[in-house]
Every structure is written in C-alpha cells, then in structure tokens.
N, C-alpha and C. Protein backbone atom coordinates (compact mmCIF):
# COMPACT_ATOMS: atom_id res chain seq x y z
N MET A 1 134.88 39.37 153.09
CA MET A 1 133.92 40.07 152.38
C MET A 1 133.65 39.35 151.02
N THR A 2 132.44 39.20 150.69
CA THR A 2 132.10 38.55 149.38
C THR A 2 132.17 39.57 148.27
N ASP A 3 132.19 39.07 147.06
CA ASP A 3 132.17 39.97 145.91
C ASP A 3 130.99 40.91 145.90
N GLU A 4 129.85 40.39 146.44
CA GLU A 4 128.65 41.25 146.42
C GLU A 4 128.71 42.37 147.37
N THR A 5 129.58 42.32 148.44
CA THR A 5 129.59 43.42 149.35
C THR A 5 130.87 44.28 149.10
N ARG A 6 131.84 43.82 148.39
CA ARG A 6 133.00 44.61 148.06
C ARG A 6 132.68 45.70 147.03
N LYS A 7 133.28 46.81 147.20
CA LYS A 7 133.16 47.91 146.17
C LYS A 7 133.98 47.52 144.95
N LEU A 8 133.40 47.83 143.73
CA LEU A 8 134.08 47.51 142.50
C LEU A 8 134.84 48.82 142.03
N VAL A 9 136.08 48.71 141.75
CA VAL A 9 136.85 49.83 141.22
C VAL A 9 137.31 49.45 139.84
N LEU A 10 137.06 50.24 138.87
CA LEU A 10 137.66 50.13 137.54
C LEU A 10 138.95 50.88 137.48
N VAL A 11 140.02 50.24 137.04
CA VAL A 11 141.30 50.94 136.85
C VAL A 11 141.66 50.84 135.43
N ALA A 12 141.90 52.03 134.75
CA ALA A 12 142.30 52.10 133.38
C ALA A 12 143.63 52.75 133.24
N ASP A 13 144.67 51.98 132.73
CA ASP A 13 146.00 52.53 132.51
C ASP A 13 146.71 51.67 131.52
N ASP A 14 147.40 52.33 130.58
CA ASP A 14 148.10 51.53 129.49
C ASP A 14 149.42 50.96 129.99
N ASP A 15 149.90 51.42 131.18
CA ASP A 15 151.13 50.91 131.72
C ASP A 15 150.81 49.67 132.56
N VAL A 16 151.24 48.54 132.08
CA VAL A 16 150.87 47.28 132.78
C VAL A 16 151.44 47.19 134.17
N ASP A 17 152.61 47.77 134.41
CA ASP A 17 153.14 47.73 135.75
C ASP A 17 152.32 48.56 136.69
N ILE A 18 151.93 49.75 136.31
CA ILE A 18 151.08 50.63 137.17
C ILE A 18 149.78 49.89 137.38
N LEU A 19 149.16 49.32 136.29
CA LEU A 19 147.90 48.63 136.44
C LEU A 19 147.98 47.51 137.43
N ALA A 20 149.04 46.69 137.39
CA ALA A 20 149.25 45.56 138.28
C ALA A 20 149.42 46.08 139.72
N LEU A 21 150.19 47.13 139.91
CA LEU A 21 150.40 47.74 141.28
C LEU A 21 149.14 48.24 141.87
N VAL A 22 148.35 49.02 141.10
CA VAL A 22 147.10 49.52 141.67
C VAL A 22 146.12 48.42 141.98
N LYS A 23 146.03 47.45 141.02
CA LYS A 23 145.14 46.30 141.27
C LYS A 23 145.48 45.56 142.53
N LEU A 24 146.75 45.27 142.72
CA LEU A 24 147.23 44.54 143.95
C LEU A 24 146.89 45.34 145.18
N ARG A 25 147.21 46.63 145.20
CA ARG A 25 147.02 47.45 146.41
C ARG A 25 145.47 47.57 146.76
N LEU A 26 144.69 47.69 145.72
CA LEU A 26 143.27 47.87 145.97
C LEU A 26 142.64 46.57 146.41
N GLU A 27 143.09 45.48 145.82
CA GLU A 27 142.58 44.21 146.32
C GLU A 27 142.98 43.91 147.77
N ARG A 28 144.13 44.27 148.12
CA ARG A 28 144.64 44.13 149.48
C ARG A 28 143.84 45.00 150.46
N ALA A 29 143.29 46.10 149.92
CA ALA A 29 142.51 47.09 150.74
C ALA A 29 141.02 46.56 150.81
N GLY A 30 140.72 45.45 150.13
CA GLY A 30 139.37 44.94 150.20
C GLY A 30 138.42 45.31 148.98
N TYR A 31 138.99 45.87 147.96
CA TYR A 31 138.22 46.23 146.79
C TYR A 31 138.27 45.10 145.75
N GLU A 32 137.17 45.02 144.99
CA GLU A 32 137.20 44.19 143.85
C GLU A 32 137.66 45.04 142.66
N VAL A 33 138.54 44.60 141.79
CA VAL A 33 139.11 45.45 140.77
C VAL A 33 138.88 44.86 139.41
N GLN A 34 138.56 45.75 138.48
CA GLN A 34 138.37 45.36 137.06
C GLN A 34 139.34 46.32 136.30
N THR A 35 140.01 45.80 135.33
CA THR A 35 141.00 46.60 134.64
C THR A 35 140.74 46.80 133.15
N ALA A 36 141.34 47.90 132.64
CA ALA A 36 141.25 48.20 131.20
C ALA A 36 142.63 48.81 130.81
N HIS A 37 143.01 48.64 129.59
CA HIS A 37 144.30 49.03 129.16
C HIS A 37 144.24 50.33 128.31
N ASP A 38 143.07 50.81 128.06
CA ASP A 38 142.89 52.15 127.33
C ASP A 38 141.47 52.63 127.57
N GLY A 39 141.24 53.83 127.02
CA GLY A 39 139.94 54.43 127.27
C GLY A 39 138.80 53.73 126.72
N ILE A 40 138.92 53.14 125.52
CA ILE A 40 137.85 52.38 124.90
C ILE A 40 137.49 51.17 125.77
N GLU A 41 138.57 50.44 126.22
CA GLU A 41 138.27 49.29 127.06
C GLU A 41 137.62 49.70 128.38
N ALA A 42 137.96 50.86 128.86
CA ALA A 42 137.36 51.37 130.13
C ALA A 42 135.83 51.63 129.90
N ILE A 43 135.46 52.23 128.84
CA ILE A 43 134.06 52.47 128.47
C ILE A 43 133.33 51.11 128.33
N GLU A 44 133.96 50.19 127.61
CA GLU A 44 133.37 48.86 127.42
C GLU A 44 133.17 48.11 128.66
N ALA A 45 134.15 48.17 129.64
CA ALA A 45 134.08 47.49 130.86
C ALA A 45 132.92 48.13 131.70
N ILE A 46 132.73 49.37 131.69
CA ILE A 46 131.67 50.00 132.39
C ILE A 46 130.28 49.58 131.84
N ASP A 47 130.26 49.48 130.52
CA ASP A 47 128.97 48.99 129.94
C ASP A 47 128.61 47.61 130.34
N LEU A 48 129.65 46.80 130.59
CA LEU A 48 129.38 45.40 131.06
C LEU A 48 129.05 45.33 132.54
N ARG A 49 129.70 46.13 133.33
CA ARG A 49 129.46 46.10 134.76
C ARG A 49 129.80 47.47 135.40
N MET A 50 128.82 48.03 136.02
CA MET A 50 129.02 49.41 136.52
C MET A 50 129.87 49.34 137.83
N PRO A 51 131.04 50.01 137.81
CA PRO A 51 131.92 50.13 139.02
C PRO A 51 131.29 51.10 140.01
N ASP A 52 131.84 51.08 141.21
CA ASP A 52 131.53 52.06 142.23
C ASP A 52 132.37 53.25 142.10
N LEU A 53 133.53 53.11 141.45
CA LEU A 53 134.46 54.22 141.23
C LEU A 53 135.44 53.83 140.11
N ALA A 54 135.91 54.90 139.37
CA ALA A 54 136.83 54.63 138.32
C ALA A 54 138.15 55.39 138.58
N VAL A 55 139.28 54.73 138.36
CA VAL A 55 140.56 55.32 138.39
C VAL A 55 141.09 55.27 136.92
N ILE A 56 141.30 56.51 136.35
CA ILE A 56 141.56 56.65 134.95
C ILE A 56 142.88 57.41 134.71
N ASP A 57 143.76 56.83 133.97
CA ASP A 57 145.05 57.43 133.53
C ASP A 57 144.70 58.50 132.48
N VAL A 58 145.51 59.54 132.44
CA VAL A 58 145.23 60.58 131.41
C VAL A 58 145.71 60.13 130.04
N MET A 59 147.02 59.76 129.96
CA MET A 59 147.61 59.45 128.65
C MET A 59 147.51 57.97 128.38
N MET A 60 146.46 57.72 127.52
CA MET A 60 146.26 56.28 127.03
C MET A 60 145.93 56.31 125.59
N PRO A 61 146.19 55.19 124.90
CA PRO A 61 145.91 55.13 123.47
C PRO A 61 144.41 55.00 123.22
N ARG A 62 144.02 55.30 122.01
CA ARG A 62 142.68 55.17 121.47
C ARG A 62 141.68 56.24 122.08
N MET A 63 141.73 56.45 123.38
CA MET A 63 140.85 57.50 124.01
C MET A 63 141.56 57.91 125.25
N ASP A 64 141.95 59.19 125.43
CA ASP A 64 142.62 59.52 126.63
C ASP A 64 141.68 59.66 127.78
N GLY A 65 142.27 59.83 128.96
CA GLY A 65 141.51 59.81 130.18
C GLY A 65 140.54 60.95 130.25
N HIS A 66 140.92 62.13 129.78
CA HIS A 66 140.01 63.29 129.84
C HIS A 66 138.76 63.02 128.98
N GLU A 67 138.95 62.41 127.78
CA GLU A 67 137.84 62.09 126.93
C GLU A 67 136.93 61.02 127.59
N VAL A 68 137.59 60.09 128.29
CA VAL A 68 136.75 59.04 128.96
C VAL A 68 135.87 59.72 129.99
N VAL A 69 136.47 60.67 130.75
CA VAL A 69 135.68 61.37 131.80
C VAL A 69 134.58 62.15 131.20
N ARG A 70 134.89 62.92 130.09
CA ARG A 70 133.82 63.76 129.46
C ARG A 70 132.68 62.82 128.98
N THR A 71 133.02 61.69 128.34
CA THR A 71 132.03 60.74 127.81
C THR A 71 131.22 60.23 128.98
N LEU A 72 131.80 59.80 130.09
CA LEU A 72 131.06 59.30 131.23
C LEU A 72 130.11 60.34 131.86
N ARG A 73 130.59 61.61 131.84
CA ARG A 73 129.75 62.65 132.49
C ARG A 73 128.51 63.01 131.64
N THR A 74 128.55 62.63 130.32
CA THR A 74 127.37 62.89 129.50
C THR A 74 126.34 61.81 129.57
N ARG A 75 126.64 60.71 130.17
CA ARG A 75 125.71 59.55 130.22
C ARG A 75 124.93 59.61 131.52
N PRO A 76 123.65 59.42 131.51
CA PRO A 76 122.85 59.39 132.76
C PRO A 76 123.34 58.33 133.73
N ASP A 77 123.73 57.18 133.27
CA ASP A 77 124.10 56.07 134.19
C ASP A 77 125.45 56.30 134.81
N THR A 78 126.30 57.14 134.29
CA THR A 78 127.65 57.34 134.83
C THR A 78 127.96 58.77 135.19
N ALA A 79 126.91 59.61 135.10
CA ALA A 79 127.18 61.05 135.32
C ALA A 79 127.65 61.36 136.71
N ARG A 80 127.32 60.54 137.71
CA ARG A 80 127.69 60.76 139.09
C ARG A 80 128.76 59.77 139.59
N LEU A 81 129.34 58.91 138.69
CA LEU A 81 130.27 57.97 139.07
C LEU A 81 131.55 58.67 139.55
N PRO A 82 132.08 58.35 140.79
CA PRO A 82 133.28 58.98 141.28
C PRO A 82 134.43 58.60 140.39
N ILE A 83 135.19 59.62 139.97
CA ILE A 83 136.33 59.38 139.05
C ILE A 83 137.56 60.00 139.59
N LEU A 84 138.65 59.27 139.72
CA LEU A 84 139.99 59.73 140.12
C LEU A 84 140.87 59.61 138.95
N ILE A 85 141.49 60.77 138.55
CA ILE A 85 142.39 60.79 137.45
C ILE A 85 143.83 60.53 137.95
N LEU A 86 144.58 59.70 137.28
CA LEU A 86 146.07 59.55 137.57
C LEU A 86 146.81 60.10 136.39
N THR A 87 147.88 60.75 136.58
CA THR A 87 148.74 61.24 135.56
C THR A 87 150.12 61.39 135.90
N ALA A 88 151.06 61.23 134.98
CA ALA A 88 152.48 61.45 135.13
C ALA A 88 152.81 62.91 134.82
N ALA A 89 151.94 63.64 134.23
CA ALA A 89 152.14 65.08 133.94
C ALA A 89 152.29 65.85 135.20
N VAL A 90 153.25 66.78 135.20
CA VAL A 90 153.49 67.62 136.36
C VAL A 90 152.91 69.01 136.29
N HIS A 91 152.31 69.32 135.19
CA HIS A 91 151.83 70.67 134.98
C HIS A 91 150.44 70.82 135.65
N ASP A 92 150.28 71.97 136.29
CA ASP A 92 148.97 72.27 136.93
C ASP A 92 147.86 72.37 135.99
N ARG A 93 148.13 72.55 134.70
CA ARG A 93 147.07 72.66 133.70
C ARG A 93 146.40 71.27 133.45
N VAL A 94 147.15 70.23 133.71
CA VAL A 94 146.65 68.86 133.56
C VAL A 94 145.59 68.66 134.72
N ALA A 95 145.89 69.06 135.91
CA ALA A 95 144.96 68.96 137.01
C ALA A 95 143.72 69.76 136.69
N GLN A 96 143.91 70.95 136.12
CA GLN A 96 142.71 71.84 135.80
C GLN A 96 141.91 71.20 134.65
N ALA A 97 142.57 70.60 133.67
CA ALA A 97 141.93 69.90 132.60
C ALA A 97 141.06 68.68 133.13
N SER A 98 141.67 68.00 134.11
CA SER A 98 140.98 66.84 134.81
C SER A 98 139.71 67.35 135.47
N SER A 99 139.82 68.45 136.21
CA SER A 99 138.61 69.06 136.85
C SER A 99 137.62 69.53 135.82
N ASP A 100 138.12 70.21 134.77
CA ASP A 100 137.19 70.68 133.72
C ASP A 100 136.52 69.56 133.05
N ALA A 101 137.13 68.40 132.91
CA ALA A 101 136.47 67.25 132.19
C ALA A 101 135.38 66.66 133.07
N GLY A 102 135.53 66.82 134.47
CA GLY A 102 134.50 66.31 135.37
C GLY A 102 135.01 65.39 136.36
N ALA A 103 136.37 65.23 136.49
CA ALA A 103 136.93 64.28 137.49
C ALA A 103 136.73 64.77 138.83
N ASP A 104 136.52 63.86 139.78
CA ASP A 104 136.33 64.24 141.21
C ASP A 104 137.60 64.55 141.90
N ALA A 105 138.75 63.90 141.47
CA ALA A 105 140.00 64.05 142.13
C ALA A 105 141.09 63.74 141.19
N HIS A 106 142.38 64.11 141.48
CA HIS A 106 143.51 64.00 140.66
C HIS A 106 144.67 63.63 141.49
N MET A 107 145.50 62.67 140.99
CA MET A 107 146.71 62.31 141.69
C MET A 107 147.80 62.22 140.64
N ARG A 108 148.97 62.66 141.02
CA ARG A 108 150.14 62.57 140.15
C ARG A 108 150.99 61.31 140.39
N LYS A 109 151.54 60.72 139.29
CA LYS A 109 152.39 59.63 139.37
C LYS A 109 153.81 60.23 139.52
N PRO A 110 154.76 59.65 140.26
CA PRO A 110 154.46 58.47 141.11
C PRO A 110 153.64 58.83 142.31
N PHE A 111 152.88 57.92 142.81
CA PHE A 111 152.01 58.12 143.92
C PHE A 111 152.30 57.12 145.03
N SER A 112 151.87 57.41 146.20
CA SER A 112 152.00 56.52 147.31
C SER A 112 150.77 55.58 147.22
N PRO A 113 150.96 54.22 147.17
CA PRO A 113 149.83 53.31 147.11
C PRO A 113 148.87 53.54 148.28
N ARG A 114 149.45 53.80 149.48
CA ARG A 114 148.59 54.15 150.68
C ARG A 114 147.79 55.33 150.46
N GLU A 115 148.34 56.38 149.92
CA GLU A 115 147.59 57.65 149.67
C GLU A 115 146.50 57.39 148.65
N LEU A 116 146.81 56.53 147.64
CA LEU A 116 145.79 56.20 146.60
C LEU A 116 144.59 55.52 147.24
N VAL A 117 144.87 54.54 148.10
CA VAL A 117 143.77 53.85 148.77
C VAL A 117 142.96 54.84 149.67
N GLU A 118 143.68 55.74 150.38
CA GLU A 118 142.98 56.67 151.18
C GLU A 118 142.13 57.62 150.38
N LYS A 119 142.58 58.06 149.16
CA LYS A 119 141.88 58.88 148.30
C LYS A 119 140.54 58.19 147.79
N ILE A 120 140.73 56.99 147.46
CA ILE A 120 139.57 56.11 146.99
C ILE A 120 138.56 55.92 148.07
N ASP A 121 139.08 55.60 149.28
CA ASP A 121 138.20 55.43 150.42
C ASP A 121 137.39 56.75 150.69
N SER A 122 138.02 57.88 150.53
CA SER A 122 137.44 59.21 150.78
C SER A 122 136.33 59.46 149.70
N LEU A 123 136.71 59.25 148.43
CA LEU A 123 135.75 59.50 147.35
C LEU A 123 134.51 58.59 147.52
N LEU A 124 134.69 57.34 147.84
CA LEU A 124 133.60 56.41 148.00
C LEU A 124 132.70 56.75 149.23
N ALA A 125 133.35 57.31 150.28
CA ALA A 125 132.55 57.77 151.42
C ALA A 125 131.68 58.91 151.13
N ARG A 126 132.09 59.73 150.18
CA ARG A 126 131.27 60.89 149.76
C ARG A 126 130.16 60.49 148.77
N ALA A 127 130.36 59.42 148.10
CA ALA A 127 129.37 59.03 147.02
C ALA A 127 128.02 58.57 147.60
C-alpha cells in the first residue's frame, strides 16, 4: 500500500512508550501514523495534514485530550473527524467526559493492541 492509499492516524500521547507502541502496532496494521506529544502539537499536526482519525490521550501537558476534542469539534474542517480517546483513568466519569467532549470512542489503558486496531478499523469503517 502506498502512502496515498493508507489511512493516516494521528496519535497524541505524552508517554513516549505508549506513543511508540501505538505507532508500531498501527503501522503493522497498514496505517500511516503521525505523532504528537501533547494537545497543542496534536492541533498543529492536524493543521499541517488532516488525518483520517485521531487517537488522543486524556492527560497531556499544555492542552488535555478533552480540550483537544472540544476544539476539534468546533472547527468545520475537523467537526466530523473520528476521535478515539485513550486514558489511564478508571472512573466512568472520564468516559462520560470523553463522550461529552465529542469523542467517538473511548479505551482504557492498559489496552490490547489488537483491540485498539480493531476499534480504529471499526471507527474508520463508519466514517
């Protein structure tokens, strides 16, 4: 598959190990991956190149994941961008906050890399 036919996924997480793991698994699944280390970098990356889907961590410096999602939902160019939230928080209120912010799906860390790929495949199939 060429870069022009592969789906682009933006992954934003301040944990470099999680970022590397997700990037590796998504690339193995055939996706092109662009990364960001915080919410501001995620917005800047999207401004440079629109992804087909975004995977956003909740707890990041400078701008948390929920604020990133709210920002993206207010913009016409990203209002319908599929967004998957990742979080280490175990409280149901975090999942509700993700939904309230406008995320399409939510996964808790630690997660199964296979389940992550399946969730992304499913979100892109609906887009």
